[in-house]
């Protein structure tokens, strides 16, 4: 009876466990540099930013809180910009690396009525350029985001939006990491 139990239950169970472990080890892959570089955004950042919309300037404080997500495979961010005339913009972002296109995909949703994805790549370990191509009111809309890390605690940011090839909005600033702040 004991031999039958070992043959019918124990040996197949051991083989199944060994097979699952071997499959799981095969599934582990090296983290691409593009994902590692996203980790530079982790932390709390703040900047004095001036948004320009249709030629009018709106200065304000821009805050972004970033953390790695999905076991380090992506980046999650909450962003806030406040100006007395515009009110407060609140946005949520999720970014990751698409291995099939070898591109960063940066998905954004905000309380100002926009939802879209930017696609791009690291042009160097300290420079991420991403772009959204879409339409607004039937016109071609392109929005570019340019991030350049000066060092671990400073990040230059520039956004440019064009509508049918004419600049309709922009913003720029240097973000400073809030030292001692951690985002979990």
N, C-alpha and C. Protein backbone atom coordinates (compact mmCIF):
# COMPACT_ATOMS: atom_id res chain seq x y z
N UNK A 1 0.82 -1.19 0.00
CA UNK A 1 0.00 0.00 0.00
C UNK A 1 0.87 1.26 0.00
N UNK A 2 1.91 1.23 0.82
CA UNK A 2 2.81 2.37 0.91
C UNK A 2 3.49 2.63 -0.43
N UNK A 3 3.91 1.57 -1.13
CA UNK A 3 4.56 1.71 -2.43
C UNK A 3 3.59 2.29 -3.45
N UNK A 4 2.35 1.88 -3.41
CA UNK A 4 1.33 2.39 -4.32
C UNK A 4 1.09 3.88 -4.08
N UNK A 5 1.07 4.29 -2.81
CA UNK A 5 0.89 5.70 -2.46
C UNK A 5 2.04 6.54 -2.99
N UNK A 6 3.26 6.04 -2.84
CA UNK A 6 4.43 6.76 -3.32
C UNK A 6 4.38 6.89 -4.84
N UNK A 7 4.03 5.83 -5.55
CA UNK A 7 3.99 5.84 -7.01
C UNK A 7 2.87 6.72 -7.56
N UNK A 8 1.71 6.69 -6.92
CA UNK A 8 0.57 7.39 -7.49
C UNK A 8 0.39 8.83 -7.01
N UNK A 9 0.91 9.16 -5.83
CA UNK A 9 0.69 10.50 -5.29
C UNK A 9 1.99 11.28 -5.12
N UNK A 10 2.91 10.72 -4.42
CA UNK A 10 4.11 11.45 -4.03
C UNK A 10 5.01 11.76 -5.22
N UNK A 11 5.30 10.80 -6.07
CA UNK A 11 6.22 11.02 -7.19
C UNK A 11 5.63 12.03 -8.18
N UNK A 12 4.35 11.92 -8.60
CA UNK A 12 3.80 12.95 -9.49
C UNK A 12 3.79 14.35 -8.85
N UNK A 13 3.53 14.43 -7.54
CA UNK A 13 3.54 15.72 -6.85
C UNK A 13 4.93 16.34 -6.87
N UNK A 14 5.94 15.55 -6.61
CA UNK A 14 7.32 16.04 -6.63
C UNK A 14 7.69 16.52 -8.04
N UNK A 15 7.31 15.75 -9.05
CA UNK A 15 7.60 16.14 -10.43
C UNK A 15 6.90 17.45 -10.79
N UNK A 16 5.67 17.61 -10.34
CA UNK A 16 4.92 18.84 -10.61
C UNK A 16 5.61 20.04 -9.96
N UNK A 17 6.02 19.89 -8.70
CA UNK A 17 6.68 21.00 -8.00
C UNK A 17 8.00 21.35 -8.69
N UNK A 18 8.78 20.35 -9.07
CA UNK A 18 10.05 20.61 -9.76
C UNK A 18 9.78 21.31 -11.10
N UNK A 19 8.78 20.86 -11.83
CA UNK A 19 8.43 21.48 -13.11
C UNK A 19 8.00 22.92 -12.96
N UNK A 20 7.18 23.21 -11.96
CA UNK A 20 6.72 24.59 -11.72
C UNK A 20 7.90 25.48 -11.36
N UNK A 21 8.80 24.99 -10.49
CA UNK A 21 9.98 25.78 -10.12
C UNK A 21 10.88 26.04 -11.33
N UNK A 22 11.06 25.05 -12.18
CA UNK A 22 11.89 25.24 -13.38
C UNK A 22 11.26 26.26 -14.31
N UNK A 23 9.93 26.19 -14.48
CA UNK A 23 9.22 27.15 -15.33
C UNK A 23 9.33 28.56 -14.77
N UNK A 24 9.17 28.69 -13.46
CA UNK A 24 9.26 30.01 -12.82
C UNK A 24 10.65 30.60 -12.99
N UNK A 25 11.68 29.77 -12.89
CA UNK A 25 13.04 30.27 -13.07
C UNK A 25 13.27 30.72 -14.51
N UNK A 26 12.66 30.01 -15.48
CA UNK A 26 12.78 30.42 -16.87
C UNK A 26 12.07 31.74 -17.11
N UNK A 27 10.98 32.01 -16.36
CA UNK A 27 10.20 33.22 -16.54
C UNK A 27 10.95 34.46 -16.04
N UNK A 28 11.86 34.30 -15.08
CA UNK A 28 12.61 35.44 -14.58
C UNK A 28 13.53 35.94 -15.68
N UNK A 29 13.42 37.23 -15.96
CA UNK A 29 14.26 37.81 -17.00
C UNK A 29 15.04 38.98 -16.41
N UNK A 30 16.07 39.34 -17.09
CA UNK A 30 16.87 40.49 -16.69
C UNK A 30 16.04 41.75 -16.85
N UNK A 31 16.10 42.62 -15.87
CA UNK A 31 15.37 43.89 -15.94
C UNK A 31 16.06 44.79 -16.97
N UNK A 32 15.32 45.23 -17.99
CA UNK A 32 15.93 46.09 -19.02
C UNK A 32 16.40 47.42 -18.42
N UNK A 33 17.44 47.98 -19.02
CA UNK A 33 17.95 49.28 -18.56
C UNK A 33 16.84 50.33 -18.56
N UNK A 34 15.95 50.29 -19.55
CA UNK A 34 14.87 51.28 -19.64
C UNK A 34 14.01 51.27 -18.38
N UNK A 35 13.81 50.11 -17.78
CA UNK A 35 13.02 50.00 -16.54
C UNK A 35 13.86 50.49 -15.36
N UNK A 36 15.13 50.11 -15.34
CA UNK A 36 16.01 50.58 -14.26
C UNK A 36 16.06 52.10 -14.22
N UNK A 37 16.13 52.72 -15.39
CA UNK A 37 16.20 54.18 -15.46
C UNK A 37 14.92 54.83 -14.92
N UNK A 38 13.77 54.17 -15.09
CA UNK A 38 12.52 54.71 -14.54
C UNK A 38 12.63 54.89 -13.02
N UNK A 39 13.45 54.06 -12.38
CA UNK A 39 13.65 54.16 -10.93
C UNK A 39 14.21 55.50 -10.49
N UNK A 40 14.82 56.24 -11.41
CA UNK A 40 15.35 57.57 -11.07
C UNK A 40 14.24 58.53 -10.66
N UNK A 41 13.01 58.27 -11.14
CA UNK A 41 11.88 59.13 -10.81
C UNK A 41 11.36 58.88 -9.39
N UNK A 42 11.68 57.75 -8.79
CA UNK A 42 11.13 57.40 -7.48
C UNK A 42 11.45 58.48 -6.44
N UNK A 43 10.41 58.90 -5.72
CA UNK A 43 10.56 59.92 -4.69
C UNK A 43 9.55 61.04 -4.88
N UNK A 44 9.67 62.05 -4.07
CA UNK A 44 8.79 63.23 -4.15
C UNK A 44 9.56 64.38 -4.76
N UNK A 45 8.97 65.04 -5.75
CA UNK A 45 9.60 66.10 -6.50
C UNK A 45 8.72 67.35 -6.49
N UNK A 46 9.37 68.52 -6.56
CA UNK A 46 8.60 69.77 -6.58
C UNK A 46 9.33 70.79 -7.45
N UNK A 47 8.53 71.65 -8.12
CA UNK A 47 9.11 72.68 -8.98
C UNK A 47 8.17 73.87 -9.07
N UNK A 48 8.74 75.05 -9.25
CA UNK A 48 7.97 76.22 -9.69
C UNK A 48 7.89 76.11 -11.20
N UNK A 49 6.67 75.96 -11.70
CA UNK A 49 6.46 75.75 -13.13
C UNK A 49 5.53 76.84 -13.65
N UNK A 50 5.79 77.30 -14.85
CA UNK A 50 4.86 78.20 -15.51
C UNK A 50 4.25 77.45 -16.69
N UNK A 51 2.93 77.29 -16.62
CA UNK A 51 2.21 76.70 -17.75
C UNK A 51 1.76 77.84 -18.65
N UNK A 52 1.93 77.66 -19.94
CA UNK A 52 1.47 78.63 -20.92
C UNK A 52 0.41 77.95 -21.78
N UNK A 53 -0.77 78.57 -21.82
CA UNK A 53 -1.86 78.03 -22.63
C UNK A 53 -2.42 79.14 -23.50
N UNK A 54 -2.33 78.93 -24.82
CA UNK A 54 -2.79 79.93 -25.79
C UNK A 54 -2.21 81.32 -25.50
N UNK A 55 -0.91 81.35 -25.16
CA UNK A 55 -0.21 82.61 -24.95
C UNK A 55 -0.32 83.20 -23.54
N UNK A 56 -1.16 82.65 -22.68
CA UNK A 56 -1.32 83.17 -21.32
C UNK A 56 -0.54 82.30 -20.34
N UNK A 57 0.20 82.95 -19.42
CA UNK A 57 1.03 82.22 -18.46
C UNK A 57 0.31 82.01 -17.14
N UNK A 58 0.52 80.80 -16.57
CA UNK A 58 -0.07 80.40 -15.30
C UNK A 58 1.03 79.80 -14.42
N UNK A 59 1.64 80.62 -13.53
CA UNK A 59 2.68 80.07 -12.65
C UNK A 59 2.06 79.28 -11.50
N UNK A 60 2.81 78.31 -11.00
CA UNK A 60 2.33 77.54 -9.86
C UNK A 60 3.35 76.53 -9.39
N UNK A 61 3.02 75.86 -8.32
CA UNK A 61 3.86 74.80 -7.76
C UNK A 61 3.39 73.47 -8.34
N UNK A 62 4.33 72.71 -8.87
CA UNK A 62 4.04 71.39 -9.43
C UNK A 62 4.70 70.36 -8.53
N UNK A 63 3.93 69.41 -8.04
CA UNK A 63 4.44 68.34 -7.17
C UNK A 63 4.16 67.00 -7.81
N UNK A 64 5.14 66.12 -7.77
CA UNK A 64 4.99 64.77 -8.31
C UNK A 64 5.55 63.79 -7.29
N UNK A 65 4.75 62.77 -6.96
CA UNK A 65 5.16 61.70 -6.05
C UNK A 65 5.20 60.40 -6.84
N UNK A 66 6.40 59.81 -6.94
CA UNK A 66 6.61 58.63 -7.78
C UNK A 66 7.09 57.44 -6.95
N UNK A 67 6.66 56.27 -7.36
CA UNK A 67 7.17 55.04 -6.74
C UNK A 67 7.17 53.93 -7.77
N UNK A 68 8.08 53.01 -7.60
CA UNK A 68 8.12 51.85 -8.48
C UNK A 68 6.95 50.94 -8.09
N UNK A 69 6.44 50.22 -9.08
CA UNK A 69 5.30 49.34 -8.88
C UNK A 69 5.53 48.03 -9.62
N UNK A 70 4.65 47.06 -9.40
CA UNK A 70 4.72 45.76 -10.08
C UNK A 70 6.10 45.12 -9.88
N UNK A 71 6.53 45.06 -8.62
CA UNK A 71 7.83 44.47 -8.28
C UNK A 71 8.99 45.12 -9.03
N UNK A 72 8.91 46.44 -9.22
CA UNK A 72 10.00 47.16 -9.88
C UNK A 72 9.91 47.17 -11.40
N UNK A 73 8.80 46.70 -11.96
CA UNK A 73 8.66 46.64 -13.42
C UNK A 73 8.03 47.89 -14.02
N UNK A 74 7.56 48.80 -13.18
CA UNK A 74 6.92 50.00 -13.70
C UNK A 74 7.00 51.12 -12.70
N UNK A 75 6.46 52.26 -13.09
CA UNK A 75 6.47 53.46 -12.27
C UNK A 75 5.05 53.98 -12.13
N UNK A 76 4.67 54.33 -10.90
CA UNK A 76 3.37 54.95 -10.64
C UNK A 76 3.64 56.35 -10.10
N UNK A 77 2.86 57.34 -10.56
CA UNK A 77 3.06 58.71 -10.09
C UNK A 77 1.72 59.41 -9.88
N UNK A 78 1.66 60.22 -8.84
CA UNK A 78 0.57 61.16 -8.61
C UNK A 78 1.15 62.55 -8.80
N UNK A 79 0.47 63.39 -9.57
CA UNK A 79 0.98 64.73 -9.83
C UNK A 79 -0.10 65.77 -9.51
N UNK A 80 0.38 66.96 -9.09
CA UNK A 80 -0.51 68.04 -8.70
C UNK A 80 0.08 69.37 -9.17
N UNK A 81 -0.74 70.21 -9.77
CA UNK A 81 -0.33 71.56 -10.15
C UNK A 81 -1.46 72.49 -9.73
N UNK A 82 -1.09 73.59 -9.07
CA UNK A 82 -2.12 74.51 -8.59
C UNK A 82 -1.82 75.94 -9.03
N UNK A 83 -2.88 76.61 -9.53
CA UNK A 83 -2.81 78.00 -9.92
C UNK A 83 -4.17 78.62 -9.61
N UNK A 84 -4.20 79.85 -9.04
CA UNK A 84 -5.48 80.45 -8.65
C UNK A 84 -6.50 80.54 -9.79
N UNK A 85 -6.06 80.80 -11.02
CA UNK A 85 -6.99 80.91 -12.16
C UNK A 85 -7.42 79.56 -12.71
N UNK A 86 -6.47 78.63 -12.79
CA UNK A 86 -6.76 77.31 -13.37
C UNK A 86 -7.36 76.33 -12.38
N UNK A 87 -7.08 76.54 -11.10
CA UNK A 87 -7.48 75.57 -10.09
C UNK A 87 -6.37 74.55 -9.89
N UNK A 88 -6.76 73.38 -9.43
CA UNK A 88 -5.77 72.34 -9.15
C UNK A 88 -5.93 71.19 -10.13
N UNK A 89 -4.85 70.89 -10.84
CA UNK A 89 -4.81 69.74 -11.71
C UNK A 89 -4.29 68.57 -10.90
N UNK A 90 -4.99 67.44 -10.97
CA UNK A 90 -4.53 66.22 -10.31
C UNK A 90 -4.45 65.14 -11.38
N UNK A 91 -3.32 64.47 -11.42
CA UNK A 91 -3.15 63.42 -12.42
C UNK A 91 -2.53 62.18 -11.81
N UNK A 92 -2.77 61.06 -12.48
CA UNK A 92 -2.16 59.78 -12.12
C UNK A 92 -1.51 59.21 -13.36
N UNK A 93 -0.34 58.66 -13.18
CA UNK A 93 0.44 58.14 -14.30
C UNK A 93 0.93 56.72 -13.99
N UNK A 94 1.01 55.92 -15.03
CA UNK A 94 1.58 54.59 -14.94
C UNK A 94 2.50 54.42 -16.14
N UNK A 95 3.76 54.11 -15.88
CA UNK A 95 4.74 53.98 -16.96
C UNK A 95 5.44 52.64 -16.87
N UNK A 96 5.78 52.11 -18.02
CA UNK A 96 6.51 50.85 -18.08
C UNK A 96 7.19 50.71 -19.42
N UNK A 97 7.88 49.58 -19.58
CA UNK A 97 8.64 49.31 -20.80
C UNK A 97 7.93 48.23 -21.60
N UNK A 98 7.65 48.51 -22.86
CA UNK A 98 7.05 47.54 -23.76
C UNK A 98 8.18 46.82 -24.49
N UNK A 99 8.47 45.56 -24.13
CA UNK A 99 9.60 44.86 -24.73
C UNK A 99 9.39 44.51 -26.20
N UNK A 100 8.13 44.50 -26.65
CA UNK A 100 7.86 44.15 -28.04
C UNK A 100 8.12 45.31 -28.99
N UNK A 101 8.02 46.54 -28.47
CA UNK A 101 8.33 47.72 -29.28
C UNK A 101 9.62 48.40 -28.82
N UNK A 102 10.18 47.92 -27.71
CA UNK A 102 11.37 48.54 -27.09
C UNK A 102 11.13 50.03 -26.83
N UNK A 103 9.95 50.33 -26.27
CA UNK A 103 9.56 51.71 -25.99
C UNK A 103 9.00 51.83 -24.57
N UNK A 104 9.15 53.02 -24.00
CA UNK A 104 8.48 53.37 -22.75
C UNK A 104 7.06 53.77 -23.11
N UNK A 105 6.09 53.29 -22.36
CA UNK A 105 4.69 53.69 -22.50
C UNK A 105 4.31 54.38 -21.18
N UNK A 106 3.82 55.62 -21.29
CA UNK A 106 3.49 56.44 -20.12
C UNK A 106 2.02 56.84 -20.23
N UNK A 107 1.17 56.22 -19.43
CA UNK A 107 -0.27 56.43 -19.48
C UNK A 107 -0.69 57.44 -18.43
N UNK A 108 -1.47 58.45 -18.82
CA UNK A 108 -1.86 59.55 -17.94
C UNK A 108 -3.37 59.74 -17.92
N UNK A 109 -3.91 59.96 -16.72
CA UNK A 109 -5.31 60.33 -16.54
C UNK A 109 -5.31 61.52 -15.58
N UNK A 110 -6.08 62.59 -15.91
CA UNK A 110 -6.15 63.72 -14.99
C UNK A 110 -7.58 64.21 -14.80
N UNK A 111 -7.75 65.10 -13.85
CA UNK A 111 -9.08 65.63 -13.54
C UNK A 111 -9.47 66.80 -14.44
N UNK A 112 -8.67 67.10 -15.45
CA UNK A 112 -8.98 68.17 -16.39
C UNK A 112 -9.60 67.62 -17.68
N UNK A 113 -9.91 66.32 -17.67
CA UNK A 113 -10.60 65.72 -18.81
C UNK A 113 -9.71 65.07 -19.84
N UNK A 114 -8.44 64.85 -19.53
CA UNK A 114 -7.58 64.20 -20.52
C UNK A 114 -7.12 62.83 -20.04
N UNK A 115 -7.02 61.94 -20.99
CA UNK A 115 -6.49 60.59 -20.79
C UNK A 115 -5.75 60.24 -22.07
N UNK A 116 -4.49 59.91 -21.95
CA UNK A 116 -3.74 59.53 -23.14
C UNK A 116 -2.45 58.81 -22.78
N UNK A 117 -1.80 58.27 -23.79
CA UNK A 117 -0.54 57.56 -23.59
C UNK A 117 0.56 58.25 -24.40
N UNK A 118 1.71 58.39 -23.75
CA UNK A 118 2.92 58.88 -24.41
C UNK A 118 3.80 57.67 -24.68
N UNK A 119 4.50 57.68 -25.79
CA UNK A 119 5.41 56.60 -26.15
C UNK A 119 6.76 57.22 -26.48
N UNK A 120 7.82 56.58 -26.02
CA UNK A 120 9.15 57.11 -26.33
C UNK A 120 10.25 56.22 -25.81
N UNK A 121 11.40 56.83 -25.61
CA UNK A 121 12.55 56.05 -25.18
C UNK A 121 13.58 56.92 -24.47
N UNK A 122 14.48 56.24 -23.80
CA UNK A 122 15.62 56.90 -23.18
C UNK A 122 16.63 57.16 -24.29
N UNK A 123 16.97 58.44 -24.50
CA UNK A 123 18.00 58.75 -25.49
C UNK A 123 19.39 58.62 -24.89
N UNK A 124 19.44 58.63 -23.54
CA UNK A 124 20.64 58.35 -22.76
C UNK A 124 20.13 57.92 -21.38
N UNK A 125 21.00 57.44 -20.49
CA UNK A 125 20.54 57.04 -19.16
C UNK A 125 19.91 58.19 -18.34
N UNK A 126 20.13 59.44 -18.75
CA UNK A 126 19.60 60.58 -18.01
C UNK A 126 18.57 61.40 -18.80
N UNK A 127 18.13 60.90 -19.96
CA UNK A 127 17.25 61.69 -20.81
C UNK A 127 16.13 60.82 -21.39
N UNK A 128 14.90 61.09 -20.96
CA UNK A 128 13.72 60.38 -21.46
C UNK A 128 12.89 61.35 -22.30
N UNK A 129 12.57 60.94 -23.52
CA UNK A 129 11.72 61.72 -24.41
C UNK A 129 10.53 60.86 -24.80
N UNK A 130 9.31 61.37 -24.51
CA UNK A 130 8.09 60.64 -24.85
C UNK A 130 7.12 61.58 -25.56
N UNK A 131 6.24 60.98 -26.37
CA UNK A 131 5.35 61.80 -27.20
C UNK A 131 3.97 61.16 -27.29
N UNK A 132 2.96 62.02 -27.28
CA UNK A 132 1.57 61.60 -27.51
C UNK A 132 1.11 62.19 -28.83
N UNK A 133 0.50 61.37 -29.67
CA UNK A 133 -0.08 61.83 -30.93
C UNK A 133 -1.57 61.51 -30.91
N UNK A 134 -2.39 62.54 -31.05
CA UNK A 134 -3.82 62.34 -31.01
C UNK A 134 -4.55 63.44 -31.75
N UNK A 135 -5.82 63.63 -31.41
CA UNK A 135 -6.61 64.70 -32.02
C UNK A 135 -7.37 65.44 -30.93
N UNK A 136 -7.64 66.71 -31.19
CA UNK A 136 -8.49 67.55 -30.35
C UNK A 136 -9.39 68.35 -31.29
N UNK A 137 -10.67 68.21 -31.10
CA UNK A 137 -11.63 68.91 -31.96
C UNK A 137 -11.35 68.69 -33.44
N UNK A 138 -10.96 67.45 -33.79
CA UNK A 138 -10.70 67.11 -35.18
C UNK A 138 -9.36 67.57 -35.71
N UNK A 139 -8.56 68.20 -34.87
CA UNK A 139 -7.24 68.68 -35.30
C UNK A 139 -6.15 67.80 -34.70
N UNK A 140 -5.04 67.68 -35.43
CA UNK A 140 -3.92 66.89 -34.95
C UNK A 140 -3.30 67.55 -33.72
N UNK A 141 -3.16 66.76 -32.64
CA UNK A 141 -2.56 67.25 -31.41
C UNK A 141 -1.34 66.39 -31.09
N UNK A 142 -0.22 67.03 -30.84
CA UNK A 142 1.02 66.34 -30.46
C UNK A 142 1.52 66.96 -29.16
N UNK A 143 1.80 66.10 -28.18
CA UNK A 143 2.34 66.58 -26.90
C UNK A 143 3.64 65.84 -26.64
N UNK A 144 4.71 66.59 -26.41
CA UNK A 144 6.00 65.98 -26.10
C UNK A 144 6.37 66.29 -24.66
N UNK A 145 6.97 65.32 -24.01
CA UNK A 145 7.50 65.48 -22.66
C UNK A 145 8.98 65.14 -22.72
N UNK A 146 9.79 66.02 -22.20
CA UNK A 146 11.24 65.87 -22.23
C UNK A 146 11.75 65.94 -20.80
N UNK A 147 12.33 64.85 -20.31
CA UNK A 147 12.87 64.77 -18.95
C UNK A 147 14.38 64.62 -19.03
N UNK A 148 15.12 65.51 -18.36
CA UNK A 148 16.57 65.41 -18.33
C UNK A 148 17.04 65.48 -16.88
N UNK A 149 17.61 64.39 -16.40
CA UNK A 149 18.14 64.37 -15.03
C UNK A 149 19.49 65.07 -15.01
N UNK A 150 19.58 66.12 -14.19
CA UNK A 150 20.86 66.82 -14.01
C UNK A 150 21.74 66.03 -13.05
N UNK A 151 21.10 65.43 -12.05
CA UNK A 151 21.75 64.56 -11.07
C UNK A 151 20.62 63.80 -10.36
N UNK A 152 20.92 63.12 -9.27
CA UNK A 152 19.90 62.31 -8.57
C UNK A 152 18.78 63.14 -7.96
N UNK A 153 19.02 64.44 -7.76
CA UNK A 153 18.05 65.28 -7.06
C UNK A 153 17.49 66.44 -7.87
N UNK A 154 17.88 66.54 -9.15
CA UNK A 154 17.39 67.61 -10.01
C UNK A 154 16.99 67.06 -11.37
N UNK A 155 15.83 67.52 -11.84
CA UNK A 155 15.27 67.01 -13.08
C UNK A 155 14.67 68.16 -13.87
N UNK A 156 15.19 68.41 -15.07
CA UNK A 156 14.61 69.42 -15.96
C UNK A 156 13.45 68.78 -16.72
N UNK A 157 12.36 69.54 -16.81
CA UNK A 157 11.14 69.05 -17.44
C UNK A 157 10.65 70.08 -18.45
N UNK A 158 10.19 69.61 -19.60
CA UNK A 158 9.59 70.49 -20.61
C UNK A 158 8.47 69.75 -21.30
N UNK A 159 7.31 70.38 -21.37
CA UNK A 159 6.14 69.87 -22.09
C UNK A 159 5.81 70.87 -23.18
N UNK A 160 5.55 70.37 -24.39
CA UNK A 160 5.11 71.22 -25.48
C UNK A 160 3.95 70.51 -26.17
N UNK A 161 2.83 71.23 -26.31
CA UNK A 161 1.67 70.71 -27.02
C UNK A 161 1.41 71.56 -28.25
N UNK A 162 1.21 70.90 -29.40
CA UNK A 162 0.89 71.63 -30.62
C UNK A 162 -0.44 71.14 -31.18
N UNK A 163 -1.21 72.08 -31.72
CA UNK A 163 -2.49 71.79 -32.34
C UNK A 163 -2.39 72.21 -33.80
N UNK A 164 -2.47 71.22 -34.70
CA UNK A 164 -2.24 71.45 -36.13
C UNK A 164 -0.91 72.16 -36.38
N UNK A 165 0.12 71.77 -35.64
CA UNK A 165 1.46 72.31 -35.84
C UNK A 165 1.75 73.63 -35.17
N UNK A 166 0.76 74.22 -34.48
CA UNK A 166 0.95 75.50 -33.80
C UNK A 166 0.98 75.24 -32.29
N UNK A 167 2.01 75.76 -31.62
CA UNK A 167 2.13 75.55 -30.18
C UNK A 167 0.91 76.13 -29.46
N UNK A 168 0.24 75.28 -28.69
CA UNK A 168 -0.95 75.72 -27.95
C UNK A 168 -0.74 75.72 -26.46
N UNK A 169 0.24 74.96 -25.99
CA UNK A 169 0.53 74.93 -24.56
C UNK A 169 1.97 74.48 -24.33
N UNK A 170 2.50 74.92 -23.20
CA UNK A 170 3.84 74.49 -22.82
C UNK A 170 4.00 74.68 -21.31
N UNK A 171 4.94 73.98 -20.78
CA UNK A 171 5.34 74.19 -19.38
C UNK A 171 6.76 73.68 -19.23
N UNK A 172 7.46 74.26 -18.27
CA UNK A 172 8.84 73.88 -18.04
C UNK A 172 9.22 74.21 -16.62
N UNK A 173 10.18 73.48 -16.11
CA UNK A 173 10.69 73.75 -14.78
C UNK A 173 11.78 72.77 -14.41
N UNK A 174 12.46 73.08 -13.33
CA UNK A 174 13.45 72.16 -12.77
C UNK A 174 12.87 71.62 -11.48
N UNK A 175 12.67 70.32 -11.45
CA UNK A 175 12.14 69.66 -10.25
C UNK A 175 13.29 69.32 -9.32
N UNK A 176 13.03 69.48 -8.03
CA UNK A 176 14.00 69.14 -7.00
C UNK A 176 13.40 68.04 -6.14
N UNK A 177 14.20 66.99 -5.91
CA UNK A 177 13.73 65.90 -5.07
C UNK A 177 13.71 66.38 -3.63
N UNK A 178 12.62 66.09 -2.97
CA UNK A 178 12.50 66.44 -1.55
C UNK A 178 13.31 65.42 -0.75
N UNK A 179 14.42 65.84 -0.24
CA UNK A 179 15.33 64.95 0.49
C UNK A 179 14.65 64.51 1.78
N UNK A 180 14.81 63.23 2.08
CA UNK A 180 14.24 62.67 3.30
C UNK A 180 12.81 62.21 3.14
N UNK A 181 12.21 62.49 1.99
CA UNK A 181 10.84 62.05 1.73
C UNK A 181 10.90 60.72 0.97
N UNK A 182 10.18 59.76 1.45
CA UNK A 182 10.10 58.51 0.72
C UNK A 182 8.64 58.24 0.37
N UNK A 183 8.44 57.63 -0.76
CA UNK A 183 7.10 57.32 -1.23
C UNK A 183 6.98 55.81 -1.21
N UNK A 184 6.00 55.31 -0.52
CA UNK A 184 5.82 53.85 -0.44
C UNK A 184 4.66 53.40 -1.27
